[in-house]
Amino acid sequence: MTITTVTLLKRRAGMSKADFIAYYEEHHRRIGERVLAGFATRYVRRFLHSMDDTEEPCDADVVTEIDFPDEATRDACFAALATPETAAMIAEDEARLFDRSRIRTFSVEERHSQL
């Protein structure tokens, strides 16, 4: 059974959406790929764009989805991410990109509808 985590991330103040996306895809994504390798089976970034063309404040600019084959692998990954060296590397890069006080991570319980 696949286990999915979803993280809501807000760009840091003063950073344009275009610069945010470019930095995430050119730099932060590569860190994610490196630290998730061997644990995750899928790592997706979903950048949010308003459908009404407004730039009203929103709690998130990107939703990341990470799939794991099972809870044990997810837990092992999060333990590896929490080691001092890895946590420091991630935090340093996150400070360039995100409002870290607003990061929220969730475990997903998925339900499907027949349409």
PDB file of N, CA and C in Angstrom:
ATOM      1  N   MET A   1       0.841  -1.184   0.000  1.00  0.00           N
ATOM      2  CA  MET A   1       0.000   0.000   0.000  1.00  0.00           C
ATOM      3  C   MET A   1       0.885   1.246   0.000  1.00  0.00           C
ATOM      4  N   THR A   2       0.656   2.131  -0.922  1.00  0.00           N
ATOM      5  CA  THR A   2       1.422   3.370  -1.013  1.00  0.00           C
ATOM      6  C   THR A   2       1.012   4.333   0.097  1.00  0.00           C
ATOM      7  N   ILE A   3       2.007   4.953   0.696  1.00  0.00           N
ATOM      8  CA  ILE A   3       1.797   5.987   1.707  1.00  0.00           C
ATOM      9  C   ILE A   3       2.222   7.311   1.084  1.00  0.00           C
ATOM     10  N   THR A   4       1.330   8.300   1.110  1.00  0.00           N
ATOM     11  CA  THR A   4       1.609   9.608   0.520  1.00  0.00           C
ATOM     12  C   THR A   4       1.659  10.668   1.603  1.00  0.00           C
ATOM     13  N   THR A   5       2.670  11.539   1.500  1.00  0.00           N
ATOM     14  CA  THR A   5       2.698  12.742   2.326  1.00  0.00           C
ATOM     15  C   THR A   5       2.529  13.941   1.407  1.00  0.00           C
ATOM     16  N   VAL A   6       1.860  14.945   1.920  1.00  0.00           N
ATOM     17  CA  VAL A   6       1.658  16.199   1.214  1.00  0.00           C
ATOM     18  C   VAL A   6       2.194  17.310   2.104  1.00  0.00           C
ATOM     19  N   THR A   7       2.991  18.185   1.517  1.00  0.00           N
ATOM     20  CA  THR A   7       3.519  19.324   2.256  1.00  0.00           C
ATOM     21  C   THR A   7       3.109  20.601   1.559  1.00  0.00           C
ATOM     22  N   LEU A   8       2.540  21.539   2.333  1.00  0.00           N
ATOM     23  CA  LEU A   8       2.165  22.858   1.835  1.00  0.00           C
ATOM     24  C   LEU A   8       3.297  23.811   2.169  1.00  0.00           C
ATOM     25  N   LEU A   9       3.779  24.525   1.150  1.00  0.00           N
ATOM     26  CA  LEU A   9       4.940  25.398   1.325  1.00  0.00           C
ATOM     27  C   LEU A   9       4.640  26.789   0.794  1.00  0.00           C
ATOM     28  N   LYS A  10       5.048  27.793   1.550  1.00  0.00           N
ATOM     29  CA  LYS A  10       4.853  29.196   1.190  1.00  0.00           C
ATOM     30  C   LYS A  10       6.217  29.816   0.898  1.00  0.00           C
ATOM     31  N   ARG A  11       6.317  30.538  -0.203  1.00  0.00           N
ATOM     32  CA  ARG A  11       7.591  31.188  -0.532  1.00  0.00           C
ATOM     33  C   ARG A  11       7.905  32.288   0.481  1.00  0.00           C
ATOM     34  N   ARG A  12       9.185  32.568   0.640  1.00  0.00           N
ATOM     35  CA  ARG A  12       9.589  33.593   1.602  1.00  0.00           C
ATOM     36  C   ARG A  12       9.144  34.974   1.102  1.00  0.00           C
ATOM     37  N   ALA A  13       8.956  35.888   2.021  1.00  0.00           N
ATOM     38  CA  ALA A  13       8.515  37.242   1.693  1.00  0.00           C
ATOM     39  C   ALA A  13       9.517  37.909   0.757  1.00  0.00           C
ATOM     40  N   GLY A  14       8.985  38.638  -0.201  1.00  0.00           N
ATOM     41  CA  GLY A  14       9.830  39.385  -1.126  1.00  0.00           C
ATOM     42  C   GLY A  14      10.307  38.600  -2.332  1.00  0.00           C
ATOM     43  N   MET A  15      10.002  37.316  -2.394  1.00  0.00           N
ATOM     44  CA  MET A  15      10.430  36.488  -3.521  1.00  0.00           C
ATOM     45  C   MET A  15       9.296  36.377  -4.523  1.00  0.00           C
ATOM     46  N   SER A  16       9.573  36.652  -5.788  1.00  0.00           N
ATOM     47  CA  SER A  16       8.531  36.540  -6.811  1.00  0.00           C
ATOM     48  C   SER A  16       8.197  35.073  -7.047  1.00  0.00           C
ATOM     49  N   LYS A  17       7.012  34.834  -7.563  1.00  0.00           N
ATOM     50  CA  LYS A  17       6.605  33.459  -7.858  1.00  0.00           C
ATOM     51  C   LYS A  17       7.535  32.833  -8.894  1.00  0.00           C
ATOM     52  N   ALA A  18       7.906  33.612  -9.914  1.00  0.00           N
ATOM     53  CA  ALA A  18       8.799  33.091 -10.957  1.00  0.00           C
ATOM     54  C   ALA A  18      10.164  32.710 -10.373  1.00  0.00           C
ATOM     55  N   ASP A  19      10.720  33.561  -9.513  1.00  0.00           N
ATOM     56  CA  ASP A  19      12.014  33.250  -8.884  1.00  0.00           C
ATOM     57  C   ASP A  19      11.888  32.050  -7.959  1.00  0.00           C
ATOM     58  N   PHE A  20      10.760  31.962  -7.273  1.00  0.00           N
ATOM     59  CA  PHE A  20      10.499  30.839  -6.373  1.00  0.00           C
ATOM     60  C   PHE A  20      10.504  29.514  -7.137  1.00  0.00           C
ATOM     61  N   ILE A  21       9.758  29.466  -8.213  1.00  0.00           N
ATOM     62  CA  ILE A  21       9.672  28.239  -9.011  1.00  0.00           C
ATOM     63  C   ILE A  21      11.036  27.896  -9.597  1.00  0.00           C
ATOM     64  N   ALA A  22      11.720  28.890 -10.128  1.00  0.00           N
ATOM     65  CA  ALA A  22      13.034  28.636 -10.733  1.00  0.00           C
ATOM     66  C   ALA A  22      14.016  28.086  -9.708  1.00  0.00           C
ATOM     67  N   TYR A  23      14.076  28.702  -8.521  1.00  0.00           N
ATOM     68  CA  TYR A  23      15.011  28.218  -7.503  1.00  0.00           C
ATOM     69  C   TYR A  23      14.635  26.816  -7.039  1.00  0.00           C
ATOM     70  N   TYR A  24      13.346  26.597  -6.829  1.00  0.00           N
ATOM     71  CA  TYR A  24      12.899  25.277  -6.375  1.00  0.00           C
ATOM     72  C   TYR A  24      13.321  24.210  -7.383  1.00  0.00           C
ATOM     73  N   GLU A  25      13.037  24.447  -8.643  1.00  0.00           N
ATOM     74  CA  GLU A  25      13.308  23.432  -9.666  1.00  0.00           C
ATOM     75  C   GLU A  25      14.795  23.288  -9.984  1.00  0.00           C
ATOM     76  N   GLU A  26      15.555  24.369  -9.878  1.00  0.00           N
ATOM     77  CA  GLU A  26      16.981  24.307 -10.209  1.00  0.00           C
ATOM     78  C   GLU A  26      17.849  23.863  -9.039  1.00  0.00           C
ATOM     79  N   HIS A  27      17.396  24.093  -7.804  1.00  0.00           N
ATOM     80  CA  HIS A  27      18.237  23.805  -6.638  1.00  0.00           C
ATOM     81  C   HIS A  27      17.569  22.885  -5.612  1.00  0.00           C
ATOM     82  N   HIS A  28      16.471  23.358  -5.034  1.00  0.00           N
ATOM     83  CA  HIS A  28      15.877  22.619  -3.916  1.00  0.00           C
ATOM     84  C   HIS A  28      15.384  21.237  -4.344  1.00  0.00           C
ATOM     85  N   ARG A  29      14.850  21.112  -5.539  1.00  0.00           N
ATOM     86  CA  ARG A  29      14.389  19.825  -6.061  1.00  0.00           C
ATOM     87  C   ARG A  29      15.508  18.794  -6.044  1.00  0.00           C
ATOM     88  N   ARG A  30      16.702  19.225  -6.393  1.00  0.00           N
ATOM     89  CA  ARG A  30      17.839  18.300  -6.442  1.00  0.00           C
ATOM     90  C   ARG A  30      18.210  17.779  -5.057  1.00  0.00           C
ATOM     91  N   ILE A  31      18.090  18.640  -4.054  1.00  0.00           N
ATOM     92  CA  ILE A  31      18.316  18.188  -2.679  1.00  0.00           C
ATOM     93  C   ILE A  31      17.261  17.144  -2.329  1.00  0.00           C
ATOM     94  N   GLY A  32      16.004  17.444  -2.660  1.00  0.00           N
ATOM     95  CA  GLY A  32      14.928  16.490  -2.399  1.00  0.00           C
ATOM     96  C   GLY A  32      15.179  15.156  -3.063  1.00  0.00           C
ATOM     97  N   GLU A  33      15.578  15.185  -4.318  1.00  0.00           N
ATOM     98  CA  GLU A  33      15.845  13.932  -5.022  1.00  0.00           C
ATOM     99  C   GLU A  33      16.973  13.144  -4.348  1.00  0.00           C
ATOM    100  N   ARG A  34      17.999  13.860  -3.912  1.00  0.00           N
ATOM    101  CA  ARG A  34      19.145  13.193  -3.276  1.00  0.00           C
ATOM    102  C   ARG A  34      18.755  12.560  -1.942  1.00  0.00           C
ATOM    103  N   VAL A  35      18.029  13.297  -1.101  1.00  0.00           N
ATOM    104  CA  VAL A  35      17.721  12.773   0.240  1.00  0.00           C
ATOM    105  C   VAL A  35      16.561  11.778   0.232  1.00  0.00           C
ATOM    106  N   LEU A  36      15.727  11.837  -0.801  1.00  0.00           N
ATOM    107  CA  LEU A  36      14.602  10.903  -0.887  1.00  0.00           C
ATOM    108  C   LEU A  36      14.961   9.602  -1.603  1.00  0.00           C
ATOM    109  N   ALA A  37      16.069   9.606  -2.333  1.00  0.00           N
ATOM    110  CA  ALA A  37      16.482   8.420  -3.093  1.00  0.00           C
ATOM    111  C   ALA A  37      16.631   7.218  -2.159  1.00  0.00           C
ATOM    112  N   GLY A  38      16.073   6.107  -2.582  1.00  0.00           N
ATOM    113  CA  GLY A  38      16.132   4.887  -1.793  1.00  0.00           C
ATOM    114  C   GLY A  38      14.967   4.741  -0.822  1.00  0.00           C
ATOM    115  N   PHE A  39      14.210   5.817  -0.650  1.00  0.00           N
ATOM    116  CA  PHE A  39      13.039   5.795   0.230  1.00  0.00           C
ATOM    117  C   PHE A  39      11.752   6.009  -0.568  1.00  0.00           C
ATOM    118  N   ALA A  40      11.675   7.129  -1.251  1.00  0.00           N
ATOM    119  CA  ALA A  40      10.449   7.533  -1.942  1.00  0.00           C
ATOM    120  C   ALA A  40      10.349   6.888  -3.316  1.00  0.00           C
ATOM    121  N   THR A  41       9.115   6.687  -3.753  1.00  0.00           N
ATOM    122  CA  THR A  41       8.868   6.164  -5.093  1.00  0.00           C
ATOM    123  C   THR A  41       8.362   7.249  -6.043  1.00  0.00           C
ATOM    124  N   ARG A  42       7.983   8.415  -5.489  1.00  0.00           N
ATOM    125  CA  ARG A  42       7.481   9.522  -6.310  1.00  0.00           C
ATOM    126  C   ARG A  42       7.675  10.813  -5.541  1.00  0.00           C
ATOM    127  N   TYR A  43       8.129  11.853  -6.246  1.00  0.00           N
ATOM    128  CA  TYR A  43       8.335  13.186  -5.665  1.00  0.00           C
ATOM    129  C   TYR A  43       7.830  14.196  -6.686  1.00  0.00           C
ATOM    130  N   VAL A  44       6.694  14.847  -6.369  1.00  0.00           N
ATOM    131  CA  VAL A  44       6.023  15.753  -7.306  1.00  0.00           C
ATOM    132  C   VAL A  44       5.859  17.113  -6.651  1.00  0.00           C
ATOM    133  N   ARG A  45       6.110  18.171  -7.432  1.00  0.00           N
ATOM    134  CA  ARG A  45       5.865  19.533  -6.977  1.00  0.00           C
ATOM    135  C   ARG A  45       4.718  20.095  -7.793  1.00  0.00           C
ATOM    136  N   ARG A  46       3.693  20.593  -7.113  1.00  0.00           N
ATOM    137  CA  ARG A  46       2.527  21.173  -7.775  1.00  0.00           C
ATOM    138  C   ARG A  46       2.460  22.659  -7.402  1.00  0.00           C
ATOM    139  N   PHE A  47       2.948  23.496  -8.313  1.00  0.00           N
ATOM    140  CA  PHE A  47       2.956  24.938  -8.081  1.00  0.00           C
ATOM    141  C   PHE A  47       1.557  25.486  -8.310  1.00  0.00           C
ATOM    142  N   LEU A  48       1.098  26.307  -7.380  1.00  0.00           N
ATOM    143  CA  LEU A  48      -0.277  26.802  -7.392  1.00  0.00           C
ATOM    144  C   LEU A  48      -0.358  28.154  -8.091  1.00  0.00           C
ATOM    145  N   HIS A  49      -1.307  28.261  -9.010  1.00  0.00           N
ATOM    146  CA  HIS A  49      -1.559  29.502  -9.751  1.00  0.00           C
ATOM    147  C   HIS A  49      -3.053  29.803  -9.642  1.00  0.00           C
ATOM    148  N   SER A  50      -3.361  31.008  -9.229  1.00  0.00           N
ATOM    149  CA  SER A  50      -4.757  31.406  -9.057  1.00  0.00           C
ATOM    150  C   SER A  50      -5.507  31.303 -10.380  1.00  0.00           C
ATOM    151  N   MET A  51      -6.706  30.757 -10.316  1.00  0.00           N
ATOM    152  CA  MET A  51      -7.516  30.636 -11.526  1.00  0.00           C
ATOM    153  C   MET A  51      -8.294  31.906 -11.833  1.00  0.00           C
ATOM    154  N   ASP A  52      -8.333  32.860 -10.880  1.00  0.00           N
ATOM    155  CA  ASP A  52      -9.048  34.106 -11.141  1.00  0.00           C
ATOM    156  C   ASP A  52      -8.081  35.266 -11.386  1.00  0.00           C
ATOM    157  N   ASP A  53      -6.806  34.938 -11.646  1.00  0.00           N
ATOM    158  CA  ASP A  53      -5.770  35.919 -11.983  1.00  0.00           C
ATOM    159  C   ASP A  53      -5.546  36.983 -10.911  1.00  0.00           C
ATOM    160  N   THR A  54      -5.876  36.674  -9.676  1.00  0.00           N
ATOM    161  CA  THR A  54      -5.581  37.604  -8.597  1.00  0.00           C
ATOM    162  C   THR A  54      -4.330  37.118  -7.874  1.00  0.00           C
ATOM    163  N   GLU A  55      -3.710  38.001  -7.193  1.00  0.00           N
ATOM    164  CA  GLU A  55      -2.548  37.649  -6.380  1.00  0.00           C
ATOM    165  C   GLU A  55      -2.878  37.819  -4.901  1.00  0.00           C
ATOM    166  N   GLU A  56      -4.096  37.435  -4.548  1.00  0.00           N
ATOM    167  CA  GLU A  56      -4.501  37.489  -3.150  1.00  0.00           C
ATOM    168  C   GLU A  56      -3.610  36.569  -2.326  1.00  0.00           C
ATOM    169  N   PRO A  57      -3.330  36.950  -1.084  1.00  0.00           N
ATOM    170  CA  PRO A  57      -2.495  36.091  -0.242  1.00  0.00           C
ATOM    171  C   PRO A  57      -3.100  34.697  -0.102  1.00  0.00           C
ATOM    172  N   CYS A  58      -2.224  33.717  -0.093  1.00  0.00           N
ATOM    173  CA  CYS A  58      -2.630  32.331   0.041  1.00  0.00           C
ATOM    174  C   CYS A  58      -1.638  31.655   0.982  1.00  0.00           C
ATOM    175  N   ASP A  59      -2.065  30.600   1.635  1.00  0.00           N
ATOM    176  CA  ASP A  59      -1.206  29.924   2.601  1.00  0.00           C
ATOM    177  C   ASP A  59      -0.129  29.060   1.968  1.00  0.00           C
ATOM    178  N   ALA A  60      -0.216  28.788   0.675  1.00  0.00           N
ATOM    179  CA  ALA A  60       0.768  27.926   0.032  1.00  0.00           C
ATOM    180  C   ALA A  60       1.007  28.375  -1.403  1.00  0.00           C
ATOM    181  N   ASP A  61       2.231  28.170  -1.853  1.00  0.00           N
ATOM    182  CA  ASP A  61       2.591  28.429  -3.247  1.00  0.00           C
ATOM    183  C   ASP A  61       2.885  27.135  -3.995  1.00  0.00           C
ATOM    184  N   VAL A  62       3.157  26.083  -3.253  1.00  0.00           N
ATOM    185  CA  VAL A  62       3.428  24.786  -3.867  1.00  0.00           C
ATOM    186  C   VAL A  62       2.963  23.685  -2.919  1.00  0.00           C
ATOM    187  N   VAL A  63       2.497  22.618  -3.505  1.00  0.00           N
ATOM    188  CA  VAL A  63       2.143  21.416  -2.762  1.00  0.00           C
ATOM    189  C   VAL A  63       3.109  20.332  -3.234  1.00  0.00           C
ATOM    190  N   THR A  64       3.850  19.753  -2.311  1.00  0.00           N
ATOM    191  CA  THR A  64       4.703  18.635  -2.702  1.00  0.00           C
ATOM    192  C   THR A  64       4.035  17.338  -2.275  1.00  0.00           C
ATOM    193  N   GLU A  65       4.139  16.351  -3.127  1.00  0.00           N
ATOM    194  CA  GLU A  65       3.612  15.028  -2.841  1.00  0.00           C
ATOM    195  C   GLU A  65       4.773  14.049  -2.905  1.00  0.00           C
ATOM    196  N   ILE A  66       4.879  13.227  -1.877  1.00  0.00           N
ATOM    197  CA  ILE A  66       5.924  12.213  -1.835  1.00  0.00           C
ATOM    198  C   ILE A  66       5.269  10.887  -1.493  1.00  0.00           C
ATOM    199  N   ASP A  67       5.520   9.892  -2.336  1.00  0.00           N
ATOM    200  CA  ASP A  67       4.984   8.549  -2.108  1.00  0.00           C
ATOM    201  C   ASP A  67       6.081   7.638  -1.570  1.00  0.00           C
ATOM    202  N   PHE A  68       5.669   6.771  -0.652  1.00  0.00           N
ATOM    203  CA  PHE A  68       6.542   5.757  -0.071  1.00  0.00           C
ATOM    204  C   PHE A  68       5.855   4.412  -0.211  1.00  0.00           C
ATOM    205  N   PRO A  69       6.618   3.339  -0.294  1.00  0.00           N
ATOM    206  CA  PRO A  69       5.978   2.029  -0.459  1.00  0.00           C
ATOM    207  C   PRO A  69       5.214   1.571   0.779  1.00  0.00           C
ATOM    208  N   ASP A  70       5.594   2.079   1.961  1.00  0.00           N
ATOM    209  CA  ASP A  70       4.918   1.677   3.199  1.00  0.00           C
ATOM    210  C   ASP A  70       5.286   2.649   4.320  1.00  0.00           C
ATOM    211  N   GLU A  71       4.611   2.516   5.447  1.00  0.00           N
ATOM    212  CA  GLU A  71       4.844   3.418   6.578  1.00  0.00           C
ATOM    213  C   GLU A  71       6.253   3.281   7.129  1.00  0.00           C
ATOM    214  N   ALA A  72       6.783   2.068   7.176  1.00  0.00           N
ATOM    215  CA  ALA A  72       8.133   1.863   7.714  1.00  0.00           C
ATOM    216  C   ALA A  72       9.170   2.619   6.890  1.00  0.00           C
ATOM    217  N   THR A  73       9.022   2.603   5.580  1.00  0.00           N
ATOM    218  CA  THR A  73       9.965   3.327   4.712  1.00  0.00           C
ATOM    219  C   THR A  73       9.807   4.828   4.892  1.00  0.00           C
ATOM    220  N   ARG A  74       8.557   5.292   5.000  1.00  0.00           N
ATOM    221  CA  ARG A  74       8.329   6.719   5.253  1.00  0.00           C
ATOM    222  C   ARG A  74       8.988   7.136   6.564  1.00  0.00           C
ATOM    223  N   ASP A  75       8.773   6.355   7.610  1.00  0.00           N
ATOM    224  CA  ASP A  75       9.342   6.685   8.912  1.00  0.00           C
ATOM    225  C   ASP A  75      10.867   6.662   8.877  1.00  0.00           C
ATOM    226  N   ALA A  76      11.449   5.703   8.159  1.00  0.00           N
ATOM    227  CA  ALA A  76      12.901   5.634   8.031  1.00  0.00           C
ATOM    228  C   ALA A  76      13.433   6.848   7.283  1.00  0.00           C
ATOM    229  N   CYS A  77      12.704   7.285   6.273  1.00  0.00           N
ATOM    230  CA  CYS A  77      13.099   8.478   5.521  1.00  0.00           C
ATOM    231  C   CYS A  77      13.089   9.709   6.419  1.00  0.00           C
ATOM    232  N   PHE A  78      12.011   9.903   7.156  1.00  0.00           N
ATOM    233  CA  PHE A  78      11.929  11.078   8.021  1.00  0.00           C
ATOM    234  C   PHE A  78      12.991  11.040   9.122  1.00  0.00           C
ATOM    235  N   ALA A  79      13.349   9.854   9.586  1.00  0.00           N
ATOM    236  CA  ALA A  79      14.438   9.728  10.567  1.00  0.00           C
ATOM    237  C   ALA A  79      15.761  10.122   9.920  1.00  0.00           C
ATOM    238  N   ALA A  80      15.988   9.696   8.687  1.00  0.00           N
ATOM    239  CA  ALA A  80      17.218  10.060   7.984  1.00  0.00           C
ATOM    240  C   ALA A  80      17.275  11.564   7.723  1.00  0.00           C
ATOM    241  N   LEU A  81      16.132  12.162   7.397  1.00  0.00           N
ATOM    242  CA  LEU A  81      16.082  13.610   7.162  1.00  0.00           C
ATOM    243  C   LEU A  81      16.361  14.407   8.426  1.00  0.00           C
ATOM    244  N   ALA A  82      16.107  13.805   9.584  1.00  0.00           N
ATOM    245  CA  ALA A  82      16.278  14.496  10.869  1.00  0.00           C
ATOM    246  C   ALA A  82      17.697  14.401  11.422  1.00  0.00           C
ATOM    247  N   THR A  83      18.581  13.642  10.760  1.00  0.00           N
ATOM    248  CA  THR A  83      19.959  13.594  11.258  1.00  0.00           C
ATOM    249  C   THR A  83      20.541  15.002  11.177  1.00  0.00           C
ATOM    250  N   PRO A  84      21.407  15.366  12.111  1.00  0.00           N
ATOM    251  CA  PRO A  84      21.881  16.758  12.171  1.00  0.00           C
ATOM    252  C   PRO A  84      22.453  17.297  10.856  1.00  0.00           C
ATOM    253  N   GLU A  85      23.276  16.546  10.185  1.00  0.00           N
ATOM    254  CA  GLU A  85      23.898  17.041   8.949  1.00  0.00           C
ATOM    255  C   GLU A  85      22.860  17.267   7.851  1.00  0.00           C
ATOM    256  N   THR A  86      21.969  16.307   7.667  1.00  0.00           N
ATOM    257  CA  THR A  86      20.946  16.429   6.625  1.00  0.00           C
ATOM    258  C   THR A  86      19.938  17.510   6.978  1.00  0.00           C
ATOM    259  N   ALA A  87      19.500  17.546   8.223  1.00  0.00           N
ATOM    260  CA  ALA A  87      18.530  18.572   8.653  1.00  0.00           C
ATOM    261  C   ALA A  87      19.103  19.975   8.466  1.00  0.00           C
ATOM    262  N   ALA A  88      20.378  20.159   8.783  1.00  0.00           N
ATOM    263  CA  ALA A  88      21.010  21.472   8.626  1.00  0.00           C
ATOM    264  C   ALA A  88      21.093  21.873   7.157  1.00  0.00           C
ATOM    265  N   MET A  89      21.453  20.927   6.286  1.00  0.00           N
ATOM    266  CA  MET A  89      21.544  21.206   4.853  1.00  0.00           C
ATOM    267  C   MET A  89      20.176  21.611   4.308  1.00  0.00           C
ATOM    268  N   ILE A  90      19.136  20.884   4.686  1.00  0.00           N
ATOM    269  CA  ILE A  90      17.784  21.185   4.218  1.00  0.00           C
ATOM    270  C   ILE A  90      17.323  22.540   4.758  1.00  0.00           C
ATOM    271  N   ALA A  91      17.533  22.784   6.041  1.00  0.00           N
ATOM    272  CA  ALA A  91      17.101  24.048   6.657  1.00  0.00           C
ATOM    273  C   ALA A  91      17.797  25.244   6.014  1.00  0.00           C
ATOM    274  N   GLU A  92      19.070  25.100   5.712  1.00  0.00           N
ATOM    275  CA  GLU A  92      19.816  26.200   5.086  1.00  0.00           C
ATOM    276  C   GLU A  92      19.218  26.555   3.731  1.00  0.00           C
ATOM    277  N   ASP A  93      18.895  25.539   2.933  1.00  0.00           N
ATOM    278  CA  ASP A  93      18.323  25.817   1.621  1.00  0.00           C
ATOM    279  C   ASP A  93      16.883  26.294   1.745  1.00  0.00           C
ATOM    280  N   GLU A  94      16.117  25.720   2.664  1.00  0.00           N
ATOM    281  CA  GLU A  94      14.736  26.168   2.866  1.00  0.00           C
ATOM    282  C   GLU A  94      14.675  27.648   3.234  1.00  0.00           C
ATOM    283  N   ALA A  95      15.642  28.133   4.001  1.00  0.00           N
ATOM    284  CA  ALA A  95      15.645  29.543   4.409  1.00  0.00           C
ATOM    285  C   ALA A  95      15.779  30.470   3.204  1.00  0.00           C
ATOM    286  N   ARG A  96      16.381  29.998   2.131  1.00  0.00           N
ATOM    287  CA  ARG A  96      16.513  30.792   0.913  1.00  0.00           C
ATOM    288  C   ARG A  96      15.207  30.841   0.118  1.00  0.00           C
ATOM    289  N   LEU A  97      14.305  29.931   0.425  1.00  0.00           N
ATOM    290  CA  LEU A  97      13.159  29.697  -0.441  1.00  0.00           C
ATOM    291  C   LEU A  97      11.807  29.873   0.243  1.00  0.00           C
ATOM    292  N   PHE A  98      11.667  29.341   1.439  1.00  0.00           N
ATOM    293  CA  PHE A  98      10.362  29.247   2.093  1.00  0.00           C
ATOM    294  C   PHE A  98      10.240  30.134   3.323  1.00  0.00           C
ATOM    295  N   ASP A  99       8.982  30.441   3.667  1.00  0.00           N
ATOM    296  CA  ASP A  99       8.644  30.945   4.996  1.00  0.00           C
ATOM    297  C   ASP A  99       8.520  29.683   5.850  1.00  0.00           C
ATOM    298  N   ARG A 100       9.590  29.309   6.530  1.00  0.00           N
ATOM    299  CA  ARG A 100       9.651  28.025   7.233  1.00  0.00           C
ATOM    300  C   ARG A 100       8.615  27.909   8.343  1.00  0.00           C
ATOM    301  N   SER A 101       8.135  29.046   8.863  1.00  0.00           N
ATOM    302  CA  SER A 101       7.137  28.997   9.933  1.00  0.00           C
ATOM    303  C   SER A 101       5.788  28.486   9.426  1.00  0.00           C
ATOM    304  N   ARG A 102       5.610  28.441   8.107  1.00  0.00           N
ATOM    305  CA  ARG A 102       4.311  28.063   7.535  1.00  0.00           C
ATOM    306  C   ARG A 102       4.317  26.688   6.866  1.00  0.00           C
ATOM    307  N   ILE A 103       5.416  25.959   6.971  1.00  0.00           N
ATOM    308  CA  ILE A 103       5.478  24.627   6.363  1.00  0.00           C
ATOM    309  C   ILE A 103       4.587  23.672   7.137  1.00  0.00           C
ATOM    310  N   ARG A 104       3.740  22.952   6.414  1.00  0.00           N
ATOM    311  CA  ARG A 104       2.836  21.973   7.033  1.00  0.00           C
ATOM    312  C   ARG A 104       2.888  20.675   6.228  1.00  0.00           C
ATOM    313  N   THR A 105       3.110  19.555   6.914  1.00  0.00           N
ATOM    314  CA  THR A 105       3.172  18.253   6.259  1.00  0.00           C
ATOM    315  C   THR A 105       2.071  17.364   6.798  1.00  0.00           C
ATOM    316  N   PHE A 106       1.433  16.630   5.878  1.00  0.00           N
ATOM    317  CA  PHE A 106       0.299  15.783   6.218  1.00  0.00           C
ATOM    318  C   PHE A 106       0.486  14.395   5.618  1.00  0.00           C
ATOM    319  N   SER A 107      -0.063  13.414   6.291  1.00  0.00           N
ATOM    320  CA  SER A 107      -0.225  12.093   5.717  1.00  0.00           C
ATOM    321  C   SER A 107      -1.584  12.083   5.033  1.00  0.00           C
ATOM    322  N   VAL A 108      -1.661  11.488   3.858  1.00  0.00           N
ATOM    323  CA  VAL A 108      -2.875  11.547   3.056  1.00  0.00           C
ATOM    324  C   VAL A 108      -3.686  10.262   3.208  1.00  0.00           C
ATOM    325  N   GLU A 109      -4.980  10.441   3.433  1.00  0.00           N
ATOM    326  CA  GLU A 109      -5.932   9.341   3.368  1.00  0.00           C
ATOM    327  C   GLU A 109      -6.777   9.599   2.134  1.00  0.00           C
ATOM    328  N   GLU A 110      -6.628   8.760   1.138  1.00  0.00           N
ATOM    329  CA  GLU A 110      -7.238   8.996  -0.168  1.00  0.00           C
ATOM    330  C   GLU A 110      -8.540   8.210  -0.330  1.00  0.00           C
ATOM    331  N   ARG A 111      -9.527   8.861  -0.913  1.00  0.00           N
ATOM    332  CA  ARG A 111     -10.819   8.238  -1.235  1.00  0.00           C
ATOM    333  C   ARG A 111     -11.117   8.562  -2.696  1.00  0.00           C
ATOM    334  N   HIS A 112     -11.715   7.644  -3.413  1.00  0.00           N
ATOM    335  CA  HIS A 112     -12.035   7.848  -4.833  1.00  0.00           C
ATOM    336  C   HIS A 112     -13.538   7.803  -5.049  1.00  0.00           C
ATOM    337  N   SER A 113     -13.984   8.585  -6.023  1.00  0.00           N
ATOM    338  CA  SER A 113     -15.381   8.573  -6.446  1.00  0.00           C
ATOM    339  C   SER A 113     -15.487   7.921  -7.814  1.00  0.00           C
ATOM    340  N   GLN A 114     -16.562   7.235  -8.014  1.00  0.00           N
ATOM    341  CA  GLN A 114     -16.862   6.713  -9.350  1.00  0.00           C
ATOM    342  C   GLN A 114     -17.637   7.785 -10.100  1.00  0.00           C
ATOM    343  N   LEU A 115     -17.135   8.222 -11.221  1.00  0.00           N
ATOM    344  CA  LEU A 115     -17.803   9.278 -11.995  1.00  0.00           C
ATOM    345  C   LEU A 115     -18.337   8.729 -13.296  1.00  0.00           C
TER     346      LEU A 115
END
